[in-house]
Amino acid sequence: MIDDENRRRKKAVDDYNRQVRAHNRELQRVVDKHNREVRAHNARVRSNRQRLATEIARLNRQRSATRYVTVQTSAIALHTAYALVDEQSEQWNERGQELADLAEAETANSAQVVNTLLGESDADAEGIEETSLTDELSALSADLHSRWEGARFAINPRNPDAARHFCTSAREVIVELLNLAAPDAAVLGAKPDCKRGPDGVQVARREKINYLLDRNGASYEALGDFVETNVNDVMNLFSQFNKGTHGAAGRFDIPTLRTIKHRVEDSIRFLSSLVRGVQLSSGDVG
């Protein structure tokens, strides 16, 4: 009897110790994973900050250039909007700071495009059809996925109408992405007196942006200004890009095409992060 009791006690102790070791291993795994994510995040922040400083310095050296003036002015406006985000974001909540980090990369991308157009960039000639955005868009909407697929396959120097086809499809992705997550009815339901667009009927883009930021728990005016300016910057790029074709896609070489495509792709990813934030908080975006 005593031996049986001792065996039971030993088994109970052994089982408990195994559970403790398993718990500690799982806890260590979670801690290690968190630490890796923190290190990766900090590395990305440092990289983006350094890249932004480099691209802005290059841009400032070319402020007297008379080519691509609209795109230059737009990139400078975006950097000004980001400077306010950078100044205020330390006081924001975690979600706001996450979006501020993404905004820094967007600003660097914008300046890089201008520098590439003006011939002052480190852009390389990797394949311009490479993309990592398709999975994100297909999870949100099959239509968005199809439109982006069409855009990325259109942007090819062998396509004589590359820019127009790319811009048309990419513009549709941006517009539909906003409409998907912030339909007019939903925005009006949240703010009946919201501003309307140029036609006086549709909800203004800025109101849609404010709606998304509110649903993300990040209703900061400076962030709203940045998101709107960022969309305008890409739209200005589309206008400039279209001027470069009309049967002469060769005006832009492969590194330039790739830089422009990367800028547009990341701007769509930035907007999709707002959409996913709404999904996570409300679950009502399909």
C-alpha atoms as a PDB file:
ATOM      1  CA  MET A   1       0.000   0.000   0.000  1.00  0.00           C
ATOM      2  CA  ILE A   2       2.770   2.394   0.907  1.00  0.00           C
ATOM      3  CA  ASP A   3       4.627   1.609  -2.312  1.00  0.00           C
ATOM      4  CA  ASP A   4       1.449   2.208  -4.353  1.00  0.00           C
ATOM      5  CA  GLU A   5       0.888   5.536  -2.625  1.00  0.00           C
ATOM      6  CA  ASN A   6       4.479   6.548  -3.242  1.00  0.00           C
ATOM      7  CA  ARG A   7       4.179   5.620  -6.902  1.00  0.00           C
ATOM      8  CA  ARG A   8       0.991   7.675  -7.213  1.00  0.00           C
ATOM      9  CA  ARG A   9       2.632  10.639  -5.564  1.00  0.00           C
ATOM     10  CA  LYS A  10       5.724  10.299  -7.740  1.00  0.00           C
ATOM     11  CA  LYS A  11       3.568  10.070 -10.850  1.00  0.00           C
ATOM     12  CA  ALA A  12       1.623  13.159  -9.787  1.00  0.00           C
ATOM     13  CA  VAL A  13       4.863  15.061  -9.174  1.00  0.00           C
ATOM     14  CA  ASP A  14       6.323  13.886 -12.492  1.00  0.00           C
ATOM     15  CA  ASP A  15       3.141  14.880 -14.348  1.00  0.00           C
ATOM     16  CA  TYR A  16       3.166  18.282 -12.677  1.00  0.00           C
ATOM     17  CA  ASN A  17       6.828  18.812 -13.524  1.00  0.00           C
ATOM     18  CA  ARG A  18       6.197  17.853 -17.152  1.00  0.00           C
ATOM     19  CA  GLN A  19       3.334  20.333 -17.311  1.00  0.00           C
ATOM     20  CA  VAL A  20       5.508  23.049 -15.787  1.00  0.00           C
ATOM     21  CA  ARG A  21       8.318  22.334 -18.255  1.00  0.00           C
ATOM     22  CA  ALA A  22       5.865  22.330 -21.157  1.00  0.00           C
ATOM     23  CA  HIS A  23       4.373  25.606 -19.946  1.00  0.00           C
ATOM     24  CA  ASN A  24       7.821  27.159 -19.577  1.00  0.00           C
ATOM     25  CA  ARG A  25       8.816  25.997 -23.057  1.00  0.00           C
ATOM     26  CA  GLU A  26       5.659  27.498 -24.530  1.00  0.00           C
ATOM     27  CA  LEU A  27       6.175  30.712 -22.571  1.00  0.00           C
ATOM     28  CA  GLN A  28       9.778  30.927 -23.795  1.00  0.00           C
ATOM     29  CA  ARG A  29       8.615  30.281 -27.354  1.00  0.00           C
ATOM     30  CA  VAL A  30       6.110  33.141 -27.117  1.00  0.00           C
ATOM     31  CA  VAL A  31       8.705  35.462 -25.583  1.00  0.00           C
ATOM     32  CA  ASP A  32      11.275  34.544 -28.246  1.00  0.00           C
ATOM     33  CA  LYS A  33       8.716  35.105 -31.002  1.00  0.00           C
ATOM     34  CA  HIS A  34       7.779  38.488 -29.535  1.00  0.00           C
ATOM     35  CA  ASN A  35      11.426  39.496 -29.242  1.00  0.00           C
ATOM     36  CA  ARG A  36      12.076  38.483 -32.855  1.00  0.00           C
ATOM     37  CA  GLU A  37       9.098  40.526 -34.000  1.00  0.00           C
ATOM     38  CA  VAL A  38      10.256  43.540 -31.958  1.00  0.00           C
ATOM     39  CA  ARG A  39      13.773  43.284 -33.394  1.00  0.00           C
ATOM     40  CA  ALA A  40      12.409  42.935 -36.927  1.00  0.00           C
ATOM     41  CA  HIS A  41      10.084  45.896 -36.388  1.00  0.00           C
ATOM     42  CA  ASN A  42      12.872  48.066 -35.007  1.00  0.00           C
ATOM     43  CA  ALA A  43      15.113  47.089 -37.918  1.00  0.00           C
ATOM     44  CA  ARG A  44      12.393  48.069 -40.406  1.00  0.00           C
ATOM     45  CA  VAL A  45      11.854  51.391 -38.650  1.00  0.00           C
ATOM     46  CA  ARG A  46      15.591  52.159 -38.728  1.00  0.00           C
ATOM     47  CA  SER A  47      15.804  51.109 -42.366  1.00  0.00           C
ATOM     48  CA  ASN A  48      12.805  53.239 -43.378  1.00  0.00           C
ATOM     49  CA  ARG A  49      14.117  56.245 -41.461  1.00  0.00           C
ATOM     50  CA  GLN A  50      17.528  55.968 -43.089  1.00  0.00           C
ATOM     51  CA  ARG A  51      15.996  55.441 -46.532  1.00  0.00           C
ATOM     52  CA  LEU A  52      13.685  58.422 -46.080  1.00  0.00           C
ATOM     53  CA  ALA A  53      16.583  60.670 -45.043  1.00  0.00           C
ATOM     54  CA  THR A  54      18.596  59.515 -48.056  1.00  0.00           C
ATOM     55  CA  GLU A  55      15.790  60.007 -50.574  1.00  0.00           C
ATOM     56  CA  ILE A  56      14.800  63.428 -49.195  1.00  0.00           C
ATOM     57  CA  ALA A  57      18.433  64.569 -49.307  1.00  0.00           C
ATOM     58  CA  ARG A  58      18.592  63.506 -52.959  1.00  0.00           C
ATOM     59  CA  LEU A  59      15.312  65.233 -53.686  1.00  0.00           C
ATOM     60  CA  ASN A  60      16.463  68.466 -52.062  1.00  0.00           C
ATOM     61  CA  ARG A  61      19.539  68.479 -54.297  1.00  0.00           C
ATOM     62  CA  GLN A  62      17.254  68.523 -57.323  1.00  0.00           C
ATOM     63  CA  ARG A  63      14.684  71.094 -56.256  1.00  0.00           C
ATOM     64  CA  SER A  64      15.730  73.352 -59.141  1.00  0.00           C
ATOM     65  CA  ALA A  65      14.918  70.670 -61.733  1.00  0.00           C
ATOM     66  CA  THR A  66      12.216  71.748 -64.162  1.00  0.00           C
ATOM     67  CA  ARG A  67      11.115  68.218 -65.120  1.00  0.00           C
ATOM     68  CA  TYR A  68       8.301  66.350 -63.369  1.00  0.00           C
ATOM     69  CA  VAL A  69       7.409  69.465 -61.366  1.00  0.00           C
ATOM     70  CA  THR A  70       3.960  68.173 -60.410  1.00  0.00           C
ATOM     71  CA  VAL A  71       5.381  64.934 -59.043  1.00  0.00           C
ATOM     72  CA  GLN A  72       8.132  66.818 -57.205  1.00  0.00           C
ATOM     73  CA  THR A  73       5.612  69.183 -55.601  1.00  0.00           C
ATOM     74  CA  SER A  74       3.391  66.259 -54.651  1.00  0.00           C
ATOM     75  CA  ALA A  75       6.257  64.352 -53.002  1.00  0.00           C
ATOM     76  CA  ILE A  76       7.265  67.438 -51.028  1.00  0.00           C
ATOM     77  CA  ALA A  77       3.661  67.900 -49.864  1.00  0.00           C
ATOM     78  CA  LEU A  78       3.631  64.272 -48.698  1.00  0.00           C
ATOM     79  CA  HIS A  79       6.874  64.741 -46.787  1.00  0.00           C
ATOM     80  CA  THR A  80       5.397  67.825 -45.108  1.00  0.00           C
ATOM     81  CA  ALA A  81       2.311  65.805 -44.107  1.00  0.00           C
ATOM     82  CA  TYR A  82       4.508  63.007 -42.776  1.00  0.00           C
ATOM     83  CA  ALA A  83       6.610  65.445 -40.726  1.00  0.00           C
ATOM     84  CA  LEU A  84       3.468  66.309 -38.738  1.00  0.00           C
ATOM     85  CA  VAL A  85       2.677  62.612 -38.263  1.00  0.00           C
ATOM     86  CA  ASP A  86       6.234  62.004 -37.055  1.00  0.00           C
ATOM     87  CA  GLU A  87       6.008  64.936 -34.656  1.00  0.00           C
ATOM     88  CA  GLN A  88       2.727  63.806 -33.087  1.00  0.00           C
ATOM     89  CA  SER A  89       2.768  60.013 -33.269  1.00  0.00           C
ATOM     90  CA  GLU A  90       4.603  59.424 -29.990  1.00  0.00           C
ATOM     91  CA  GLN A  91       1.385  60.493 -28.251  1.00  0.00           C
ATOM     92  CA  TRP A  92      -0.797  58.142 -30.297  1.00  0.00           C
ATOM     93  CA  ASN A  93      -2.063  54.695 -29.421  1.00  0.00           C
ATOM     94  CA  GLU A  94      -0.442  51.506 -30.707  1.00  0.00           C
ATOM     95  CA  ARG A  95      -2.550  51.320 -33.875  1.00  0.00           C
ATOM     96  CA  GLY A  96      -1.811  54.943 -34.696  1.00  0.00           C
ATOM     97  CA  GLN A  97       1.902  54.333 -34.279  1.00  0.00           C
ATOM     98  CA  GLU A  98       1.730  51.255 -36.511  1.00  0.00           C
ATOM     99  CA  LEU A  99       0.186  53.361 -39.267  1.00  0.00           C
ATOM    100  CA  ALA A 100       2.754  56.113 -38.655  1.00  0.00           C
ATOM    101  CA  ASP A 101       5.537  53.582 -39.273  1.00  0.00           C
ATOM    102  CA  LEU A 102       3.910  52.581 -42.557  1.00  0.00           C
ATOM    103  CA  ALA A 103       3.536  56.267 -43.453  1.00  0.00           C
ATOM    104  CA  GLU A 104       7.293  56.736 -43.159  1.00  0.00           C
ATOM    105  CA  ALA A 105       7.905  54.022 -45.762  1.00  0.00           C
ATOM    106  CA  GLU A 106       5.267  55.564 -48.049  1.00  0.00           C
ATOM    107  CA  THR A 107       7.016  58.936 -47.862  1.00  0.00           C
ATOM    108  CA  ALA A 108      10.367  57.367 -48.729  1.00  0.00           C
ATOM    109  CA  ASN A 109       8.774  55.530 -51.670  1.00  0.00           C
ATOM    110  CA  SER A 110       7.300  58.769 -52.991  1.00  0.00           C
ATOM    111  CA  ALA A 111      10.635  60.593 -52.869  1.00  0.00           C
ATOM    112  CA  GLN A 112      12.365  57.600 -54.477  1.00  0.00           C
ATOM    113  CA  VAL A 113      10.021  57.751 -57.467  1.00  0.00           C
ATOM    114  CA  VAL A 114      10.860  61.419 -58.079  1.00  0.00           C
ATOM    115  CA  ASN A 115      14.566  60.737 -57.734  1.00  0.00           C
ATOM    116  CA  THR A 116      14.290  57.830 -60.153  1.00  0.00           C
ATOM    117  CA  LEU A 117      12.428  59.953 -62.709  1.00  0.00           C
ATOM    118  CA  LEU A 118      15.119  62.615 -62.396  1.00  0.00           C
ATOM    119  CA  GLY A 119      17.880  60.032 -62.722  1.00  0.00           C
ATOM    120  CA  GLU A 120      19.080  60.226 -59.110  1.00  0.00           C
ATOM    121  CA  SER A 121      18.309  56.858 -57.531  1.00  0.00           C
ATOM    122  CA  ASP A 122      19.654  53.424 -56.636  1.00  0.00           C
ATOM    123  CA  ALA A 123      16.728  51.666 -58.342  1.00  0.00           C
ATOM    124  CA  ASP A 124      17.718  48.339 -59.884  1.00  0.00           C
ATOM    125  CA  ALA A 125      16.313  46.252 -62.689  1.00  0.00           C
ATOM    126  CA  GLU A 126      14.697  43.346 -60.834  1.00  0.00           C
ATOM    127  CA  GLY A 127      11.611  41.852 -62.418  1.00  0.00           C
ATOM    128  CA  ILE A 128       8.806  44.393 -62.404  1.00  0.00           C
ATOM    129  CA  GLU A 129       6.144  41.715 -62.374  1.00  0.00           C
ATOM    130  CA  GLU A 130       7.187  40.368 -58.961  1.00  0.00           C
ATOM    131  CA  THR A 131       4.544  41.124 -56.366  1.00  0.00           C
ATOM    132  CA  SER A 132       3.451  40.109 -52.888  1.00  0.00           C
ATOM    133  CA  LEU A 133       0.175  42.010 -52.887  1.00  0.00           C
ATOM    134  CA  THR A 134      -2.047  39.479 -54.622  1.00  0.00           C
ATOM    135  CA  ASP A 135      -2.706  37.331 -51.541  1.00  0.00           C
ATOM    136  CA  GLU A 136      -3.732  40.361 -49.502  1.00  0.00           C
ATOM    137  CA  LEU A 137      -6.162  41.597 -52.143  1.00  0.00           C
ATOM    138  CA  SER A 138      -7.614  38.166 -52.917  1.00  0.00           C
ATOM    139  CA  ALA A 139      -8.446  37.783 -49.222  1.00  0.00           C
ATOM    140  CA  LEU A 140     -10.476  41.002 -49.431  1.00  0.00           C
ATOM    141  CA  SER A 141     -12.081  40.743 -52.852  1.00  0.00           C
ATOM    142  CA  ALA A 142     -11.717  38.569 -55.951  1.00  0.00           C
ATOM    143  CA  ASP A 143     -12.450  41.636 -58.081  1.00  0.00           C
ATOM    144  CA  LEU A 144      -9.633  43.646 -56.492  1.00  0.00           C
ATOM    145  CA  HIS A 145      -7.291  40.720 -57.018  1.00  0.00           C
ATOM    146  CA  SER A 146      -8.215  40.499 -60.711  1.00  0.00           C
ATOM    147  CA  ARG A 147      -7.770  44.232 -61.244  1.00  0.00           C
ATOM    148  CA  TRP A 148      -4.313  44.219 -59.657  1.00  0.00           C
ATOM    149  CA  GLU A 149      -3.279  41.170 -61.668  1.00  0.00           C
ATOM    150  CA  GLY A 150      -4.252  43.060 -64.813  1.00  0.00           C
ATOM    151  CA  ALA A 151      -2.299  46.108 -63.676  1.00  0.00           C
ATOM    152  CA  ARG A 152       0.923  44.285 -62.880  1.00  0.00           C
ATOM    153  CA  PHE A 153       0.938  42.334 -66.136  1.00  0.00           C
ATOM    154  CA  ALA A 154       0.253  45.525 -68.110  1.00  0.00           C
ATOM    155  CA  ILE A 155       3.330  47.336 -66.781  1.00  0.00           C
ATOM    156  CA  ASN A 156       5.795  45.892 -69.223  1.00  0.00           C
ATOM    157  CA  PRO A 157       8.163  47.860 -71.492  1.00  0.00           C
ATOM    158  CA  ARG A 158       7.117  45.602 -74.366  1.00  0.00           C
ATOM    159  CA  ASN A 159       3.529  46.791 -73.964  1.00  0.00           C
ATOM    160  CA  PRO A 160       3.163  49.941 -76.156  1.00  0.00           C
ATOM    161  CA  ASP A 161       0.363  51.222 -73.923  1.00  0.00           C
ATOM    162  CA  ALA A 162       1.820  50.022 -70.622  1.00  0.00           C
ATOM    163  CA  ALA A 163       1.337  53.139 -68.532  1.00  0.00           C
ATOM    164  CA  ARG A 164      -2.284  53.790 -69.457  1.00  0.00           C
ATOM    165  CA  HIS A 165      -3.299  50.190 -68.835  1.00  0.00           C
ATOM    166  CA  PHE A 166      -1.395  50.029 -65.549  1.00  0.00           C
ATOM    167  CA  CYS A 167      -2.710  53.362 -64.291  1.00  0.00           C
ATOM    168  CA  THR A 168      -6.308  52.564 -65.206  1.00  0.00           C
ATOM    169  CA  SER A 169      -6.268  49.221 -63.390  1.00  0.00           C
ATOM    170  CA  ALA A 170      -4.288  50.456 -60.370  1.00  0.00           C
ATOM    171  CA  ARG A 171      -6.497  53.535 -59.972  1.00  0.00           C
ATOM    172  CA  GLU A 172      -9.552  51.259 -59.962  1.00  0.00           C
ATOM    173  CA  VAL A 173      -7.978  49.127 -57.222  1.00  0.00           C
ATOM    174  CA  ILE A 174      -7.429  52.189 -55.001  1.00  0.00           C
ATOM    175  CA  VAL A 175     -10.920  53.585 -55.580  1.00  0.00           C
ATOM    176  CA  GLU A 176     -12.643  50.227 -55.092  1.00  0.00           C
ATOM    177  CA  LEU A 177     -10.573  49.416 -52.011  1.00  0.00           C
ATOM    178  CA  LEU A 178     -11.844  52.595 -50.349  1.00  0.00           C
ATOM    179  CA  ASN A 179     -15.405  51.920 -51.488  1.00  0.00           C
ATOM    180  CA  LEU A 180     -15.244  48.330 -50.262  1.00  0.00           C
ATOM    181  CA  ALA A 181     -14.304  49.257 -46.713  1.00  0.00           C
ATOM    182  CA  ALA A 182     -16.062  52.634 -46.567  1.00  0.00           C
ATOM    183  CA  PRO A 183     -19.199  52.483 -48.734  1.00  0.00           C
ATOM    184  CA  ASP A 184     -21.144  55.738 -48.967  1.00  0.00           C
ATOM    185  CA  ALA A 185     -24.075  54.303 -46.988  1.00  0.00           C
ATOM    186  CA  ALA A 186     -21.859  53.296 -44.082  1.00  0.00           C
ATOM    187  CA  VAL A 187     -20.053  56.643 -43.985  1.00  0.00           C
ATOM    188  CA  LEU A 188     -23.341  58.543 -44.155  1.00  0.00           C
ATOM    189  CA  GLY A 189     -24.733  56.359 -41.398  1.00  0.00           C
ATOM    190  CA  ALA A 190     -21.825  57.299 -39.169  1.00  0.00           C
ATOM    191  CA  LYS A 191     -21.785  60.968 -40.202  1.00  0.00           C
ATOM    192  CA  PRO A 192     -24.944  62.152 -41.995  1.00  0.00           C
ATOM    193  CA  ASP A 193     -23.553  65.651 -42.593  1.00  0.00           C
ATOM    194  CA  CYS A 194     -20.287  64.484 -44.151  1.00  0.00           C
ATOM    195  CA  LYS A 195     -18.774  66.357 -47.080  1.00  0.00           C
ATOM    196  CA  ARG A 196     -19.517  65.271 -50.641  1.00  0.00           C
ATOM    197  CA  GLY A 197     -17.217  64.886 -53.608  1.00  0.00           C
ATOM    198  CA  PRO A 198     -17.008  67.165 -56.668  1.00  0.00           C
ATOM    199  CA  ASP A 199     -20.280  65.791 -58.036  1.00  0.00           C
ATOM    200  CA  GLY A 200     -22.099  66.831 -54.846  1.00  0.00           C
ATOM    201  CA  VAL A 201     -23.519  63.313 -54.473  1.00  0.00           C
ATOM    202  CA  GLN A 202     -20.809  60.806 -53.613  1.00  0.00           C
ATOM    203  CA  VAL A 203     -19.109  60.934 -50.240  1.00  0.00           C
ATOM    204  CA  ALA A 204     -15.772  62.784 -50.328  1.00  0.00           C
ATOM    205  CA  ARG A 205     -12.631  60.660 -50.244  1.00  0.00           C
ATOM    206  CA  ARG A 206     -11.434  62.362 -47.058  1.00  0.00           C
ATOM    207  CA  GLU A 207     -14.650  61.371 -45.281  1.00  0.00           C
ATOM    208  CA  LYS A 208     -14.056  57.744 -46.282  1.00  0.00           C
ATOM    209  CA  ILE A 209     -10.509  57.978 -44.935  1.00  0.00           C
ATOM    210  CA  ASN A 210     -11.755  59.483 -41.661  1.00  0.00           C
ATOM    211  CA  TYR A 211     -14.319  56.684 -41.404  1.00  0.00           C
ATOM    212  CA  LEU A 212     -11.626  54.020 -41.849  1.00  0.00           C
ATOM    213  CA  LEU A 213      -9.301  55.651 -39.332  1.00  0.00           C
ATOM    214  CA  ASP A 214     -12.147  55.860 -36.832  1.00  0.00           C
ATOM    215  CA  ARG A 215     -12.893  52.164 -37.321  1.00  0.00           C
ATOM    216  CA  ASN A 216      -9.197  51.467 -36.778  1.00  0.00           C
ATOM    217  CA  GLY A 217      -9.271  53.403 -33.505  1.00  0.00           C
ATOM    218  CA  ALA A 218      -6.799  55.914 -34.943  1.00  0.00           C
ATOM    219  CA  SER A 219      -8.784  59.095 -35.601  1.00  0.00           C
ATOM    220  CA  TYR A 220      -5.866  61.497 -35.736  1.00  0.00           C
ATOM    221  CA  GLU A 221      -6.210  64.527 -37.982  1.00  0.00           C
ATOM    222  CA  ALA A 222      -2.542  64.517 -38.994  1.00  0.00           C
ATOM    223  CA  LEU A 223      -2.846  60.873 -39.993  1.00  0.00           C
ATOM    224  CA  GLY A 224      -5.972  61.606 -42.021  1.00  0.00           C
ATOM    225  CA  ASP A 225      -4.129  64.454 -43.773  1.00  0.00           C
ATOM    226  CA  PHE A 226      -1.292  62.082 -44.584  1.00  0.00           C
ATOM    227  CA  VAL A 227      -3.498  59.301 -45.966  1.00  0.00           C
ATOM    228  CA  GLU A 228      -5.366  61.767 -48.193  1.00  0.00           C
ATOM    229  CA  THR A 229      -2.129  63.393 -49.384  1.00  0.00           C
ATOM    230  CA  ASN A 230      -0.658  59.956 -50.049  1.00  0.00           C
ATOM    231  CA  VAL A 231      -3.597  58.958 -52.259  1.00  0.00           C
ATOM    232  CA  ASN A 232      -3.325  62.297 -54.088  1.00  0.00           C
ATOM    233  CA  ASP A 233       0.400  61.730 -54.573  1.00  0.00           C
ATOM    234  CA  VAL A 234      -0.205  58.379 -56.271  1.00  0.00           C
ATOM    235  CA  MET A 235      -2.977  59.878 -58.414  1.00  0.00           C
ATOM    236  CA  ASN A 236      -0.560  62.628 -59.504  1.00  0.00           C
ATOM    237  CA  LEU A 237       1.938  59.933 -60.389  1.00  0.00           C
ATOM    238  CA  PHE A 238      -0.691  58.234 -62.547  1.00  0.00           C
ATOM    239  CA  SER A 239      -1.237  61.492 -64.420  1.00  0.00           C
ATOM    240  CA  GLN A 240       2.486  61.915 -64.999  1.00  0.00           C
ATOM    241  CA  PHE A 241       2.932  58.276 -65.930  1.00  0.00           C
ATOM    242  CA  ASN A 242       0.183  58.479 -68.538  1.00  0.00           C
ATOM    243  CA  LYS A 243       1.967  61.388 -70.203  1.00  0.00           C
ATOM    244  CA  GLY A 244       4.943  59.120 -70.766  1.00  0.00           C
ATOM    245  CA  THR A 245       3.235  56.691 -73.125  1.00  0.00           C
ATOM    246  CA  HIS A 246       0.640  56.995 -75.875  1.00  0.00           C
ATOM    247  CA  GLY A 247       2.573  54.420 -77.899  1.00  0.00           C
ATOM    248  CA  ALA A 248       5.978  55.145 -76.348  1.00  0.00           C
ATOM    249  CA  ALA A 249       6.330  52.979 -73.244  1.00  0.00           C
ATOM    250  CA  GLY A 250      10.080  52.956 -73.832  1.00  0.00           C
ATOM    251  CA  ARG A 251      10.301  56.445 -72.314  1.00  0.00           C
ATOM    252  CA  PHE A 252      10.573  54.659 -68.950  1.00  0.00           C
ATOM    253  CA  ASP A 253      13.267  52.014 -68.571  1.00  0.00           C
ATOM    254  CA  ILE A 254      12.813  48.858 -66.499  1.00  0.00           C
ATOM    255  CA  PRO A 255      14.272  50.259 -63.228  1.00  0.00           C
ATOM    256  CA  THR A 256      11.926  53.254 -63.499  1.00  0.00           C
ATOM    257  CA  LEU A 257       8.916  51.078 -64.289  1.00  0.00           C
ATOM    258  CA  ARG A 258       9.791  48.878 -61.332  1.00  0.00           C
ATOM    259  CA  THR A 259      10.110  51.850 -58.962  1.00  0.00           C
ATOM    260  CA  ILE A 260       6.757  53.253 -60.058  1.00  0.00           C
ATOM    261  CA  LYS A 261       5.108  49.856 -59.740  1.00  0.00           C
ATOM    262  CA  HIS A 262       6.641  49.402 -56.270  1.00  0.00           C
ATOM    263  CA  ARG A 263       5.354  52.820 -55.191  1.00  0.00           C
ATOM    264  CA  VAL A 264       1.815  52.036 -56.347  1.00  0.00           C
ATOM    265  CA  GLU A 265       1.875  48.523 -54.903  1.00  0.00           C
ATOM    266  CA  ASP A 266       2.950  49.722 -51.464  1.00  0.00           C
ATOM    267  CA  SER A 267       0.369  52.521 -51.476  1.00  0.00           C
ATOM    268  CA  ILE A 268      -2.340  49.916 -52.104  1.00  0.00           C
ATOM    269  CA  ARG A 269      -0.871  47.780 -49.324  1.00  0.00           C
ATOM    270  CA  PHE A 270      -0.984  50.814 -47.020  1.00  0.00           C
ATOM    271  CA  LEU A 271      -4.695  51.280 -47.767  1.00  0.00           C
ATOM    272  CA  SER A 272      -5.333  47.559 -47.370  1.00  0.00           C
ATOM    273  CA  SER A 273      -3.854  47.765 -43.869  1.00  0.00           C
ATOM    274  CA  LEU A 274      -6.634  50.229 -43.021  1.00  0.00           C
ATOM    275  CA  VAL A 275      -9.185  47.812 -44.452  1.00  0.00           C
ATOM    276  CA  ARG A 276      -7.781  44.890 -42.476  1.00  0.00           C
ATOM    277  CA  GLY A 277      -7.841  47.034 -39.342  1.00  0.00           C
ATOM    278  CA  VAL A 278     -11.561  47.567 -39.875  1.00  0.00           C
ATOM    279  CA  GLN A 279     -12.014  43.837 -40.382  1.00  0.00           C
ATOM    280  CA  LEU A 280     -10.263  43.000 -37.157  1.00  0.00           C
ATOM    281  CA  SER A 281     -12.267  45.500 -35.138  1.00  0.00           C
ATOM    282  CA  SER A 282     -15.682  45.045 -36.670  1.00  0.00           C
ATOM    283  CA  GLY A 283     -15.709  41.877 -38.744  1.00  0.00           C
ATOM    284  CA  ASP A 284     -18.113  43.436 -41.233  1.00  0.00           C
ATOM    285  CA  VAL A 285     -15.876  43.859 -44.262  1.00  0.00           C
ATOM    286  CA  GLY A 286     -15.906  40.864 -46.584  1.00  0.00           C
END
